[in-house]
Structures are given as C-alpha cells and as structure tokens.
Amino acid sequence: MDKVCGAVNGTVQSMSDEPKIDMNDPSALKAGLSEWLNGKVTAIDRSIADLKALENGPHPKSKELATAAENGLGQAKTLLTDTRSKLDATTDATQIIAAFTEMLGKAATMEKTGAEVQKKFDESGLGEASKKAANCKGLAAAPTS
C-alpha cells in the first residue's frame, strides 16, 4: 500500500497548487494555464508508470487495484488534456476562462473517481493497511486547492 500511495502522491501534490495567471494578457493567461496543465499531465503520466510497475505485487488483487488507480488517473489526464487542447485552440480570453471553468466544474467527478478507487482498496481488505502506510497518510493530509 505504501508503494501504491507513493505512486499517486506526486500527482496529488502536483494538483495542490494553483496556476499563475495574468488576467490582463490573454496570451500570458493561455500560456500560464497551458503550462500548469502540462505539469499536471506529466505528474499523472509518472504516477501511471509507477502503478504499472506494481501490477504484479504480492496481493492477489494487485493488478486489479493498480489498474483501478491507473484508470482513475487516466480519467483525470483526459480531462486535463482536453482542457489544454481547448486552451491551445483559442486566443480569446473569454474562451480560455470558459475552458478552465468547465474543467473545474468537472473536478467533482474526479473526486468521485478517487472515492471509488479507495472503495476498491477497502473491499480488498487493504483499507486498514492504507491507513497505516506512511505515503497513504501523506495523501490524506495533502493540501487541496
């Protein structure tokens, strides 16, 4: 569990910051948001690669559990890359803000996905182990935006 939570920890920490934006300059706004989103996608890619390495772990459901976490991160990546594509396709500040606002509106779905992954861990009997693992404790205490 500590390794699984460690694999996800980088993404969670990455998501805790806010983009640096300049509302007075549409090109700077676009560049700042795109760069921020790119950093999040990079963190997700790293976490997914780390989780893939754990698919053959000692628990009988290691592959199922790692895949569930990978899929949750994959959904977040899709949301971020879709938003980045919308940003990159426009120079209009209103459309830039609309794309970012739309992404934020979908954030609740990502929280639900995270809860579903945690439920899988609980159902596998690893819920208690996750509460004791150092990296998992760090996830529970991770700052949120």
N, C-alpha and C. Protein backbone atom coordinates (compact mmCIF):
# COMPACT_ATOMS: atom_id res chain seq x y z
N MET A 1 0.83 -1.20 0.00
CA MET A 1 0.00 0.00 0.00
C MET A 1 0.86 1.26 0.00
N ASP A 2 1.96 1.20 0.73
CA ASP A 2 2.83 2.36 0.79
C ASP A 2 3.36 2.72 -0.60
N LYS A 3 3.70 1.69 -1.40
CA LYS A 3 4.20 1.94 -2.75
C LYS A 3 3.10 2.47 -3.66
N VAL A 4 1.89 1.93 -3.51
CA VAL A 4 0.77 2.41 -4.33
C VAL A 4 0.50 3.88 -4.02
N CYS A 5 0.39 4.21 -2.74
CA CYS A 5 0.15 5.60 -2.37
C CYS A 5 1.31 6.49 -2.79
N GLY A 6 2.52 5.96 -2.70
CA GLY A 6 3.68 6.72 -3.14
C GLY A 6 3.62 7.03 -4.63
N ALA A 7 3.10 6.06 -5.41
CA ALA A 7 2.97 6.27 -6.85
C ALA A 7 1.99 7.38 -7.17
N VAL A 8 0.96 7.51 -6.37
CA VAL A 8 -0.09 8.51 -6.61
C VAL A 8 0.27 9.86 -5.97
N ASN A 9 1.12 9.83 -4.98
CA ASN A 9 1.45 11.01 -4.19
C ASN A 9 1.93 12.19 -5.04
N GLY A 10 2.78 11.92 -6.03
CA GLY A 10 3.29 13.01 -6.87
C GLY A 10 2.18 13.75 -7.60
N THR A 11 1.20 12.99 -8.08
CA THR A 11 0.08 13.61 -8.77
C THR A 11 -0.75 14.44 -7.81
N VAL A 12 -1.02 13.89 -6.64
CA VAL A 12 -1.83 14.61 -5.66
C VAL A 12 -1.13 15.90 -5.25
N GLN A 13 0.16 15.83 -4.98
CA GLN A 13 0.90 17.03 -4.61
C GLN A 13 0.91 18.04 -5.76
N SER A 14 1.04 17.55 -6.98
CA SER A 14 1.06 18.42 -8.15
C SER A 14 -0.27 19.18 -8.30
N MET A 15 -1.35 18.51 -7.97
CA MET A 15 -2.68 19.12 -8.12
C MET A 15 -2.98 20.16 -7.05
N SER A 16 -2.14 20.26 -6.05
CA SER A 16 -2.45 21.14 -4.92
C SER A 16 -2.09 22.61 -5.15
N ASP A 17 -1.38 22.89 -6.23
CA ASP A 17 -1.04 24.30 -6.46
C ASP A 17 -2.04 24.94 -7.42
N GLU A 18 -1.95 26.22 -7.52
CA GLU A 18 -2.83 26.98 -8.42
C GLU A 18 -2.01 27.59 -9.53
N PRO A 19 -2.60 27.72 -10.71
CA PRO A 19 -1.85 28.30 -11.82
C PRO A 19 -1.56 29.77 -11.60
N LYS A 20 -0.42 30.19 -12.11
CA LYS A 20 -0.08 31.62 -12.09
C LYS A 20 -0.67 32.21 -13.37
N ILE A 21 -1.59 33.12 -13.18
CA ILE A 21 -2.27 33.67 -14.35
C ILE A 21 -2.24 35.19 -14.34
N ASP A 22 -2.26 35.73 -15.54
CA ASP A 22 -2.30 37.18 -15.75
C ASP A 22 -3.56 37.47 -16.55
N MET A 23 -4.59 37.92 -15.87
CA MET A 23 -5.89 38.16 -16.50
C MET A 23 -5.86 39.34 -17.48
N ASN A 24 -4.81 40.15 -17.41
CA ASN A 24 -4.73 41.32 -18.28
C ASN A 24 -4.11 41.02 -19.64
N ASP A 25 -3.54 39.85 -19.79
CA ASP A 25 -2.84 39.50 -21.04
C ASP A 25 -3.30 38.10 -21.48
N PRO A 26 -4.21 38.03 -22.47
CA PRO A 26 -4.74 36.74 -22.91
C PRO A 26 -3.67 35.72 -23.31
N SER A 27 -2.60 36.17 -23.95
CA SER A 27 -1.56 35.21 -24.36
C SER A 27 -0.80 34.68 -23.15
N ALA A 28 -0.55 35.54 -22.17
CA ALA A 28 0.11 35.09 -20.94
C ALA A 28 -0.82 34.19 -20.13
N LEU A 29 -2.11 34.52 -20.13
CA LEU A 29 -3.11 33.69 -19.44
C LEU A 29 -3.12 32.30 -20.05
N LYS A 30 -3.20 32.25 -21.36
CA LYS A 30 -3.22 30.97 -22.08
C LYS A 30 -1.94 30.18 -21.81
N ALA A 31 -0.80 30.83 -21.93
CA ALA A 31 0.48 30.15 -21.72
C ALA A 31 0.61 29.63 -20.29
N GLY A 32 0.20 30.45 -19.32
CA GLY A 32 0.29 30.03 -17.93
C GLY A 32 -0.59 28.85 -17.61
N LEU A 33 -1.82 28.88 -18.09
CA LEU A 33 -2.74 27.76 -17.85
C LEU A 33 -2.29 26.50 -18.58
N SER A 34 -1.82 26.65 -19.81
CA SER A 34 -1.35 25.50 -20.57
C SER A 34 -0.13 24.86 -19.90
N GLU A 35 0.79 25.68 -19.44
CA GLU A 35 1.98 25.18 -18.74
C GLU A 35 1.57 24.46 -17.44
N TRP A 36 0.63 25.03 -16.71
CA TRP A 36 0.14 24.43 -15.47
C TRP A 36 -0.48 23.07 -15.76
N LEU A 37 -1.33 23.01 -16.80
CA LEU A 37 -1.97 21.74 -17.16
C LEU A 37 -0.93 20.71 -17.61
N ASN A 38 0.07 21.15 -18.35
CA ASN A 38 1.11 20.24 -18.81
C ASN A 38 1.85 19.62 -17.63
N GLY A 39 2.11 20.41 -16.60
CA GLY A 39 2.77 19.88 -15.40
C GLY A 39 1.93 18.80 -14.71
N LYS A 40 0.63 19.01 -14.72
CA LYS A 40 -0.28 18.02 -14.10
C LYS A 40 -0.29 16.72 -14.90
N VAL A 41 -0.34 16.85 -16.23
CA VAL A 41 -0.35 15.67 -17.11
C VAL A 41 0.96 14.89 -16.94
N THR A 42 2.07 15.59 -16.84
CA THR A 42 3.37 14.94 -16.64
C THR A 42 3.38 14.16 -15.32
N ALA A 43 2.84 14.75 -14.26
CA ALA A 43 2.78 14.07 -12.96
C ALA A 43 1.89 12.83 -13.05
N ILE A 44 0.77 12.94 -13.75
CA ILE A 44 -0.13 11.79 -13.91
C ILE A 44 0.58 10.67 -14.68
N ASP A 45 1.27 11.02 -15.75
CA ASP A 45 1.99 10.01 -16.53
C ASP A 45 3.01 9.27 -15.66
N ARG A 46 3.70 10.01 -14.82
CA ARG A 46 4.69 9.41 -13.91
C ARG A 46 4.00 8.46 -12.93
N SER A 47 2.87 8.89 -12.38
CA SER A 47 2.14 8.05 -11.43
C SER A 47 1.63 6.77 -12.09
N ILE A 48 1.10 6.90 -13.31
CA ILE A 48 0.59 5.72 -14.03
C ILE A 48 1.73 4.73 -14.30
N ALA A 49 2.89 5.22 -14.69
CA ALA A 49 4.05 4.34 -14.93
C ALA A 49 4.46 3.64 -13.64
N ASP A 50 4.46 4.38 -12.53
CA ASP A 50 4.81 3.78 -11.23
C ASP A 50 3.79 2.71 -10.82
N LEU A 51 2.52 2.97 -11.10
CA LEU A 51 1.47 2.00 -10.76
C LEU A 51 1.59 0.74 -11.62
N LYS A 52 1.91 0.89 -12.88
CA LYS A 52 2.08 -0.27 -13.77
C LYS A 52 3.14 -1.21 -13.22
N ALA A 53 4.18 -0.64 -12.63
CA ALA A 53 5.25 -1.45 -12.05
C ALA A 53 4.77 -2.24 -10.83
N LEU A 54 3.65 -1.85 -10.26
CA LEU A 54 3.12 -2.52 -9.06
C LEU A 54 2.02 -3.53 -9.38
N GLU A 55 1.69 -3.70 -10.65
CA GLU A 55 0.60 -4.60 -11.02
C GLU A 55 0.85 -6.05 -10.60
N ASN A 56 2.10 -6.46 -10.50
CA ASN A 56 2.42 -7.84 -10.12
C ASN A 56 2.87 -7.93 -8.67
N GLY A 57 2.24 -7.11 -7.82
CA GLY A 57 2.58 -7.08 -6.40
C GLY A 57 2.14 -8.34 -5.66
N PRO A 58 2.40 -8.39 -4.37
CA PRO A 58 2.12 -9.60 -3.59
C PRO A 58 0.63 -9.86 -3.29
N HIS A 59 -0.19 -8.86 -3.37
CA HIS A 59 -1.61 -9.06 -3.07
C HIS A 59 -2.28 -9.75 -4.26
N PRO A 60 -3.21 -10.69 -3.99
CA PRO A 60 -3.87 -11.39 -5.10
C PRO A 60 -4.60 -10.46 -6.08
N LYS A 61 -4.97 -9.29 -5.63
CA LYS A 61 -5.67 -8.34 -6.48
C LYS A 61 -4.78 -7.16 -6.88
N SER A 62 -3.49 -7.35 -6.83
CA SER A 62 -2.56 -6.25 -7.15
C SER A 62 -2.85 -5.63 -8.51
N LYS A 63 -3.01 -6.47 -9.52
CA LYS A 63 -3.25 -5.94 -10.87
C LYS A 63 -4.57 -5.18 -10.92
N GLU A 64 -5.62 -5.73 -10.33
CA GLU A 64 -6.93 -5.07 -10.33
C GLU A 64 -6.87 -3.72 -9.60
N LEU A 65 -6.19 -3.69 -8.47
CA LEU A 65 -6.12 -2.46 -7.68
C LEU A 65 -5.25 -1.41 -8.37
N ALA A 66 -4.11 -1.83 -8.91
CA ALA A 66 -3.25 -0.88 -9.62
C ALA A 66 -3.97 -0.34 -10.85
N THR A 67 -4.67 -1.23 -11.55
CA THR A 67 -5.41 -0.81 -12.74
C THR A 67 -6.52 0.17 -12.39
N ALA A 68 -7.20 -0.05 -11.28
CA ALA A 68 -8.25 0.88 -10.85
C ALA A 68 -7.67 2.27 -10.61
N ALA A 69 -6.52 2.32 -9.94
CA ALA A 69 -5.87 3.61 -9.70
C ALA A 69 -5.39 4.23 -11.01
N GLU A 70 -4.84 3.40 -11.91
CA GLU A 70 -4.41 3.89 -13.21
C GLU A 70 -5.58 4.48 -13.99
N ASN A 71 -6.71 3.79 -13.97
CA ASN A 71 -7.88 4.26 -14.70
C ASN A 71 -8.39 5.58 -14.13
N GLY A 72 -8.39 5.71 -12.82
CA GLY A 72 -8.80 6.97 -12.20
C GLY A 72 -7.89 8.12 -12.63
N LEU A 73 -6.59 7.85 -12.63
CA LEU A 73 -5.64 8.87 -13.08
C LEU A 73 -5.81 9.15 -14.57
N GLY A 74 -6.12 8.11 -15.33
CA GLY A 74 -6.33 8.28 -16.76
C GLY A 74 -7.51 9.21 -17.05
N GLN A 75 -8.56 9.09 -16.24
CA GLN A 75 -9.71 9.99 -16.41
C GLN A 75 -9.32 11.43 -16.13
N ALA A 76 -8.53 11.62 -15.10
CA ALA A 76 -8.05 12.97 -14.78
C ALA A 76 -7.18 13.51 -15.91
N LYS A 77 -6.32 12.65 -16.45
CA LYS A 77 -5.45 13.06 -17.56
C LYS A 77 -6.28 13.49 -18.77
N THR A 78 -7.32 12.72 -19.08
CA THR A 78 -8.18 13.06 -20.21
C THR A 78 -8.82 14.44 -20.02
N LEU A 79 -9.32 14.70 -18.82
CA LEU A 79 -9.92 16.00 -18.53
C LEU A 79 -8.90 17.12 -18.72
N LEU A 80 -7.70 16.92 -18.22
CA LEU A 80 -6.66 17.95 -18.32
C LEU A 80 -6.19 18.15 -19.76
N THR A 81 -6.00 17.06 -20.49
CA THR A 81 -5.53 17.21 -21.88
C THR A 81 -6.62 17.81 -22.77
N ASP A 82 -7.88 17.46 -22.51
CA ASP A 82 -8.97 18.07 -23.26
C ASP A 82 -9.02 19.58 -23.01
N THR A 83 -8.85 19.96 -21.77
CA THR A 83 -8.85 21.39 -21.42
C THR A 83 -7.67 22.09 -22.08
N ARG A 84 -6.50 21.45 -22.04
CA ARG A 84 -5.32 22.06 -22.65
C ARG A 84 -5.52 22.22 -24.16
N SER A 85 -6.15 21.25 -24.80
CA SER A 85 -6.43 21.35 -26.24
C SER A 85 -7.35 22.53 -26.54
N LYS A 86 -8.36 22.72 -25.70
CA LYS A 86 -9.27 23.85 -25.88
C LYS A 86 -8.52 25.17 -25.71
N LEU A 87 -7.66 25.22 -24.69
CA LEU A 87 -6.88 26.44 -24.46
C LEU A 87 -5.97 26.74 -25.64
N ASP A 88 -5.29 25.70 -26.13
CA ASP A 88 -4.33 25.90 -27.21
C ASP A 88 -5.00 26.31 -28.52
N ALA A 89 -6.30 26.03 -28.64
CA ALA A 89 -7.02 26.32 -29.88
C ALA A 89 -7.61 27.73 -29.92
N THR A 90 -7.45 28.51 -28.86
CA THR A 90 -8.06 29.83 -28.83
C THR A 90 -7.09 30.88 -28.30
N THR A 91 -7.37 32.12 -28.64
CA THR A 91 -6.62 33.25 -28.08
C THR A 91 -7.57 34.20 -27.37
N ASP A 92 -8.85 33.89 -27.40
CA ASP A 92 -9.86 34.73 -26.78
C ASP A 92 -9.90 34.47 -25.27
N ALA A 93 -9.72 35.51 -24.48
CA ALA A 93 -9.66 35.36 -23.02
C ALA A 93 -10.94 34.75 -22.46
N THR A 94 -12.08 35.11 -23.02
CA THR A 94 -13.35 34.57 -22.53
C THR A 94 -13.41 33.06 -22.74
N GLN A 95 -12.97 32.59 -23.90
CA GLN A 95 -12.98 31.16 -24.18
C GLN A 95 -11.94 30.42 -23.32
N ILE A 96 -10.83 31.07 -23.06
CA ILE A 96 -9.80 30.48 -22.20
C ILE A 96 -10.37 30.26 -20.81
N ILE A 97 -11.00 31.29 -20.26
CA ILE A 97 -11.60 31.18 -18.92
C ILE A 97 -12.74 30.15 -18.94
N ALA A 98 -13.53 30.11 -20.00
CA ALA A 98 -14.63 29.15 -20.10
C ALA A 98 -14.12 27.72 -20.08
N ALA A 99 -13.04 27.44 -20.80
CA ALA A 99 -12.47 26.09 -20.83
C ALA A 99 -11.95 25.69 -19.46
N PHE A 100 -11.28 26.62 -18.80
CA PHE A 100 -10.74 26.32 -17.47
C PHE A 100 -11.86 26.14 -16.45
N THR A 101 -12.89 26.98 -16.54
CA THR A 101 -14.04 26.89 -15.63
C THR A 101 -14.78 25.57 -15.84
N GLU A 102 -14.91 25.16 -17.09
CA GLU A 102 -15.55 23.88 -17.40
C GLU A 102 -14.78 22.73 -16.74
N MET A 103 -13.45 22.79 -16.82
CA MET A 103 -12.62 21.76 -16.19
C MET A 103 -12.85 21.72 -14.68
N LEU A 104 -12.87 22.90 -14.07
CA LEU A 104 -13.09 22.96 -12.63
C LEU A 104 -14.45 22.39 -12.25
N GLY A 105 -15.44 22.62 -13.11
CA GLY A 105 -16.78 22.09 -12.86
C GLY A 105 -16.81 20.57 -12.88
N LYS A 106 -15.89 19.97 -13.63
CA LYS A 106 -15.83 18.51 -13.72
C LYS A 106 -14.95 17.90 -12.62
N ALA A 107 -14.36 18.72 -11.80
CA ALA A 107 -13.47 18.23 -10.74
C ALA A 107 -14.21 17.33 -9.75
N ALA A 108 -15.48 17.58 -9.53
CA ALA A 108 -16.26 16.74 -8.62
C ALA A 108 -16.30 15.30 -9.11
N THR A 109 -16.33 15.12 -10.41
CA THR A 109 -16.30 13.77 -10.98
C THR A 109 -15.00 13.08 -10.62
N MET A 110 -13.91 13.81 -10.63
CA MET A 110 -12.61 13.24 -10.29
C MET A 110 -12.57 12.83 -8.82
N GLU A 111 -13.20 13.63 -7.97
CA GLU A 111 -13.26 13.27 -6.55
C GLU A 111 -14.04 11.98 -6.36
N LYS A 112 -15.11 11.82 -7.13
CA LYS A 112 -15.92 10.59 -7.07
C LYS A 112 -15.08 9.40 -7.52
N THR A 113 -14.29 9.58 -8.56
CA THR A 113 -13.42 8.51 -9.05
C THR A 113 -12.42 8.10 -7.97
N GLY A 114 -11.85 9.07 -7.30
CA GLY A 114 -10.92 8.78 -6.20
C GLY A 114 -11.58 8.00 -5.09
N ALA A 115 -12.82 8.35 -4.77
CA ALA A 115 -13.56 7.62 -3.74
C ALA A 115 -13.83 6.18 -4.17
N GLU A 116 -14.10 5.98 -5.46
CA GLU A 116 -14.34 4.63 -5.97
C GLU A 116 -13.08 3.77 -5.88
N VAL A 117 -11.92 4.37 -6.16
CA VAL A 117 -10.66 3.65 -6.04
C VAL A 117 -10.42 3.28 -4.58
N GLN A 118 -10.65 4.22 -3.67
CA GLN A 118 -10.48 3.92 -2.24
C GLN A 118 -11.42 2.80 -1.81
N LYS A 119 -12.62 2.80 -2.33
CA LYS A 119 -13.59 1.74 -2.00
C LYS A 119 -13.06 0.38 -2.44
N LYS A 120 -12.43 0.31 -3.62
CA LYS A 120 -11.84 -0.95 -4.09
C LYS A 120 -10.76 -1.43 -3.12
N PHE A 121 -9.95 -0.51 -2.64
CA PHE A 121 -8.92 -0.88 -1.67
C PHE A 121 -9.55 -1.40 -0.38
N ASP A 122 -10.59 -0.72 0.07
CA ASP A 122 -11.28 -1.15 1.29
C ASP A 122 -11.88 -2.54 1.10
N GLU A 123 -12.51 -2.77 -0.05
CA GLU A 123 -13.15 -4.06 -0.32
C GLU A 123 -12.13 -5.19 -0.45
N SER A 124 -10.91 -4.86 -0.83
CA SER A 124 -9.87 -5.89 -0.98
C SER A 124 -9.22 -6.25 0.34
N GLY A 125 -9.61 -5.54 1.41
CA GLY A 125 -9.01 -5.80 2.72
C GLY A 125 -7.78 -4.95 2.98
N LEU A 126 -7.49 -4.03 2.09
CA LEU A 126 -6.29 -3.19 2.24
C LEU A 126 -6.60 -1.81 2.82
N GLY A 127 -7.85 -1.58 3.18
CA GLY A 127 -8.23 -0.29 3.74
C GLY A 127 -7.45 0.06 4.99
N GLU A 128 -7.32 -0.91 5.89
CA GLU A 128 -6.59 -0.66 7.14
C GLU A 128 -5.10 -0.45 6.86
N ALA A 129 -4.56 -1.24 5.93
CA ALA A 129 -3.15 -1.08 5.58
C ALA A 129 -2.90 0.31 5.01
N SER A 130 -3.85 0.81 4.23
CA SER A 130 -3.67 2.14 3.64
C SER A 130 -3.69 3.23 4.71
N LYS A 131 -4.42 2.98 5.79
CA LYS A 131 -4.47 3.97 6.87
C LYS A 131 -3.16 4.02 7.66
N LYS A 132 -2.40 2.92 7.60
CA LYS A 132 -1.15 2.83 8.36
C LYS A 132 0.09 3.19 7.54
N ALA A 133 0.01 3.08 6.22
CA ALA A 133 1.17 3.32 5.36
C ALA A 133 1.52 4.81 5.34
N ALA A 134 2.80 5.10 5.47
CA ALA A 134 3.27 6.49 5.56
C ALA A 134 2.86 7.33 4.34
N ASN A 135 3.05 6.79 3.14
CA ASN A 135 2.69 7.56 1.94
C ASN A 135 1.19 7.78 1.84
N CYS A 136 0.40 6.84 2.35
CA CYS A 136 -1.05 6.99 2.32
C CYS A 136 -1.50 8.06 3.31
N LYS A 137 -0.83 8.11 4.45
CA LYS A 137 -1.13 9.17 5.43
C LYS A 137 -0.84 10.53 4.82
N GLY A 138 0.24 10.61 4.02
CA GLY A 138 0.59 11.85 3.34
C GLY A 138 -0.48 12.27 2.35
N LEU A 139 -1.12 11.28 1.71
CA LEU A 139 -2.20 11.59 0.77
C LEU A 139 -3.40 12.15 1.51
N ALA A 140 -3.70 11.58 2.65
CA ALA A 140 -4.87 12.04 3.41
C ALA A 140 -4.66 13.48 3.89
N ALA A 141 -3.41 13.85 4.12
CA ALA A 141 -3.11 15.19 4.63
C ALA A 141 -2.73 16.17 3.52
N ALA A 142 -2.77 15.71 2.27
CA ALA A 142 -2.34 16.55 1.15
C ALA A 142 -3.21 17.80 1.06
N PRO A 143 -2.58 18.93 0.81
CA PRO A 143 -3.35 20.17 0.66
C PRO A 143 -4.17 20.13 -0.63
N THR A 144 -5.30 20.78 -0.61
CA THR A 144 -6.13 20.87 -1.82
C THR A 144 -6.34 22.33 -2.16
N SER A 145 -6.58 22.58 -3.43
CA SER A 145 -6.81 23.96 -3.88
C SER A 145 -8.21 24.39 -3.55
